[in-house]
């Protein structure tokens, strides 16, 4: 599902114009992004949790030259699905 398809589905299910659905989806993703950038955790009960995982600096290998390189420490966004979300995906 693409963002455009998601906007259409949200618009239909909420009974709102597509422009309003697009604003809502954009505002939601922006709010989650800003919260994670500040180091906060975002929990949507029944859906899942967005947080940031710290990755330590480490040694790596350039596969082309086999030369060892230093990989800087970084932060990576992470999503963990909630139980209700997992259960709905795994229904048979």
C-alpha atoms as a PDB file:
ATOM      1  CA  UNK A   1       0.000   0.000   0.000  1.00  0.00           C
ATOM      2  CA  UNK A   2       1.371   3.389  -0.980  1.00  0.00           C
ATOM      3  CA  UNK A   3       0.832   6.662   0.840  1.00  0.00           C
ATOM      4  CA  UNK A   4      -1.741   7.698  -1.780  1.00  0.00           C
ATOM      5  CA  UNK A   5      -3.672   4.468  -1.252  1.00  0.00           C
ATOM      6  CA  UNK A   6      -3.497   4.929   2.515  1.00  0.00           C
ATOM      7  CA  UNK A   7      -4.901   8.449   2.164  1.00  0.00           C
ATOM      8  CA  UNK A   8      -7.807   7.084   0.104  1.00  0.00           C
ATOM      9  CA  UNK A   9      -8.588   4.377   2.666  1.00  0.00           C
ATOM     10  CA  UNK A  10      -8.421   6.789   5.616  1.00  0.00           C
ATOM     11  CA  UNK A  11     -10.604   9.267   3.736  1.00  0.00           C
ATOM     12  CA  UNK A  12     -13.240   6.622   3.022  1.00  0.00           C
ATOM     13  CA  UNK A  13     -13.236   5.070   6.520  1.00  0.00           C
ATOM     14  CA  UNK A  14     -13.297   8.416   8.349  1.00  0.00           C
ATOM     15  CA  UNK A  15     -15.758  10.034   5.952  1.00  0.00           C
ATOM     16  CA  UNK A  16     -13.511  13.053   5.386  1.00  0.00           C
ATOM     17  CA  UNK A  17     -12.130  14.641   2.218  1.00  0.00           C
ATOM     18  CA  UNK A  18      -8.857  13.269   0.856  1.00  0.00           C
ATOM     19  CA  UNK A  19      -7.134  16.611   1.527  1.00  0.00           C
ATOM     20  CA  UNK A  20      -8.021  16.381   5.221  1.00  0.00           C
ATOM     21  CA  UNK A  21      -6.889  12.749   5.384  1.00  0.00           C
ATOM     22  CA  UNK A  22      -3.577  13.691   3.767  1.00  0.00           C
ATOM     23  CA  UNK A  23      -3.055  16.509   6.303  1.00  0.00           C
ATOM     24  CA  UNK A  24      -3.821  14.123   9.164  1.00  0.00           C
ATOM     25  CA  UNK A  25      -1.423  11.442   7.919  1.00  0.00           C
ATOM     26  CA  UNK A  26       1.331  13.996   7.258  1.00  0.00           C
ATOM     27  CA  UNK A  27       0.842  15.526  10.715  1.00  0.00           C
ATOM     28  CA  UNK A  28       0.990  12.086  12.339  1.00  0.00           C
ATOM     29  CA  UNK A  29       4.193  11.035  10.610  1.00  0.00           C
ATOM     30  CA  UNK A  30       5.770  14.428  11.311  1.00  0.00           C
ATOM     31  CA  UNK A  31       4.852  14.239  15.007  1.00  0.00           C
ATOM     32  CA  UNK A  32       6.308  10.722  15.313  1.00  0.00           C
ATOM     33  CA  UNK A  33       9.486  11.785  13.483  1.00  0.00           C
ATOM     34  CA  UNK A  34       9.961  14.848  15.713  1.00  0.00           C
ATOM     35  CA  UNK A  35       9.384  12.842  18.892  1.00  0.00           C
ATOM     36  CA  UNK A  36      11.954  10.236  17.851  1.00  0.00           C
ATOM     37  CA  UNK A  37      14.444  12.952  16.890  1.00  0.00           C
ATOM     38  CA  UNK A  38      14.158  14.297  20.458  1.00  0.00           C
ATOM     39  CA  UNK A  39      14.761  10.804  21.840  1.00  0.00           C
ATOM     40  CA  UNK A  40      11.173  10.217  22.975  1.00  0.00           C
ATOM     41  CA  UNK A  41       9.261   6.976  22.576  1.00  0.00           C
ATOM     42  CA  UNK A  42       5.854   6.925  20.831  1.00  0.00           C
ATOM     43  CA  UNK A  43       3.401   4.241  21.953  1.00  0.00           C
ATOM     44  CA  UNK A  44       0.123   3.587  20.154  1.00  0.00           C
ATOM     45  CA  UNK A  45      -1.678   1.099  22.395  1.00  0.00           C
ATOM     46  CA  UNK A  46      -2.797  -1.932  20.415  1.00  0.00           C
ATOM     47  CA  UNK A  47      -0.661  -0.964  17.417  1.00  0.00           C
ATOM     48  CA  UNK A  48       2.952  -0.720  18.541  1.00  0.00           C
ATOM     49  CA  UNK A  49       5.844   1.358  19.788  1.00  0.00           C
ATOM     50  CA  UNK A  50       8.257   3.570  17.888  1.00  0.00           C
ATOM     51  CA  UNK A  51      11.607   4.264  19.556  1.00  0.00           C
ATOM     52  CA  UNK A  52      15.251   4.930  18.778  1.00  0.00           C
ATOM     53  CA  UNK A  53      17.986   2.315  19.110  1.00  0.00           C
ATOM     54  CA  UNK A  54      21.571   3.444  19.608  1.00  0.00           C
ATOM     55  CA  UNK A  55      24.151   1.668  17.489  1.00  0.00           C
ATOM     56  CA  UNK A  56      27.691   1.696  18.842  1.00  0.00           C
ATOM     57  CA  UNK A  57      30.724   2.574  16.742  1.00  0.00           C
ATOM     58  CA  UNK A  58      32.294  -0.526  15.269  1.00  0.00           C
ATOM     59  CA  UNK A  59      34.803  -1.881  12.795  1.00  0.00           C
ATOM     60  CA  UNK A  60      33.580  -2.920   9.379  1.00  0.00           C
ATOM     61  CA  UNK A  61      35.091  -4.292   6.186  1.00  0.00           C
ATOM     62  CA  UNK A  62      34.821  -2.736   2.736  1.00  0.00           C
ATOM     63  CA  UNK A  63      33.697  -5.736   0.661  1.00  0.00           C
ATOM     64  CA  UNK A  64      35.365  -4.458  -2.496  1.00  0.00           C
ATOM     65  CA  UNK A  65      38.845  -3.764  -1.053  1.00  0.00           C
ATOM     66  CA  UNK A  66      38.691  -5.909   2.110  1.00  0.00           C
ATOM     67  CA  UNK A  67      40.026  -2.857   3.937  1.00  0.00           C
ATOM     68  CA  UNK A  68      38.858  -2.353   7.535  1.00  0.00           C
ATOM     69  CA  UNK A  69      36.899   0.823   8.102  1.00  0.00           C
ATOM     70  CA  UNK A  70      35.479   2.589  11.139  1.00  0.00           C
ATOM     71  CA  UNK A  71      31.704   2.870  11.233  1.00  0.00           C
ATOM     72  CA  UNK A  72      30.473   5.786  13.339  1.00  0.00           C
ATOM     73  CA  UNK A  73      27.970   5.407  16.144  1.00  0.00           C
ATOM     74  CA  UNK A  74      24.445   6.171  14.993  1.00  0.00           C
ATOM     75  CA  UNK A  75      20.806   6.083  15.980  1.00  0.00           C
ATOM     76  CA  UNK A  76      18.247   3.983  14.161  1.00  0.00           C
ATOM     77  CA  UNK A  77      14.446   4.267  14.365  1.00  0.00           C
ATOM     78  CA  UNK A  78      12.751   1.054  15.423  1.00  0.00           C
ATOM     79  CA  UNK A  79       9.165  -0.210  15.510  1.00  0.00           C
ATOM     80  CA  UNK A  80       7.885  -3.025  17.683  1.00  0.00           C
ATOM     81  CA  UNK A  81       4.402  -4.288  16.908  1.00  0.00           C
ATOM     82  CA  UNK A  82       1.885  -4.518  19.740  1.00  0.00           C
ATOM     83  CA  UNK A  83       0.080  -7.707  20.682  1.00  0.00           C
ATOM     84  CA  UNK A  84      -3.292  -6.718  19.172  1.00  0.00           C
ATOM     85  CA  UNK A  85      -1.586  -5.746  15.891  1.00  0.00           C
ATOM     86  CA  UNK A  86       0.354  -9.030  15.758  1.00  0.00           C
ATOM     87  CA  UNK A  87      -2.781 -11.017  16.522  1.00  0.00           C
ATOM     88  CA  UNK A  88      -4.791  -9.291  13.769  1.00  0.00           C
ATOM     89  CA  UNK A  89      -2.033  -9.937  11.218  1.00  0.00           C
ATOM     90  CA  UNK A  90      -1.766 -13.586  12.227  1.00  0.00           C
ATOM     91  CA  UNK A  91      -5.513 -14.364  12.090  1.00  0.00           C
ATOM     92  CA  UNK A  92      -6.300 -17.275   9.834  1.00  0.00           C
END
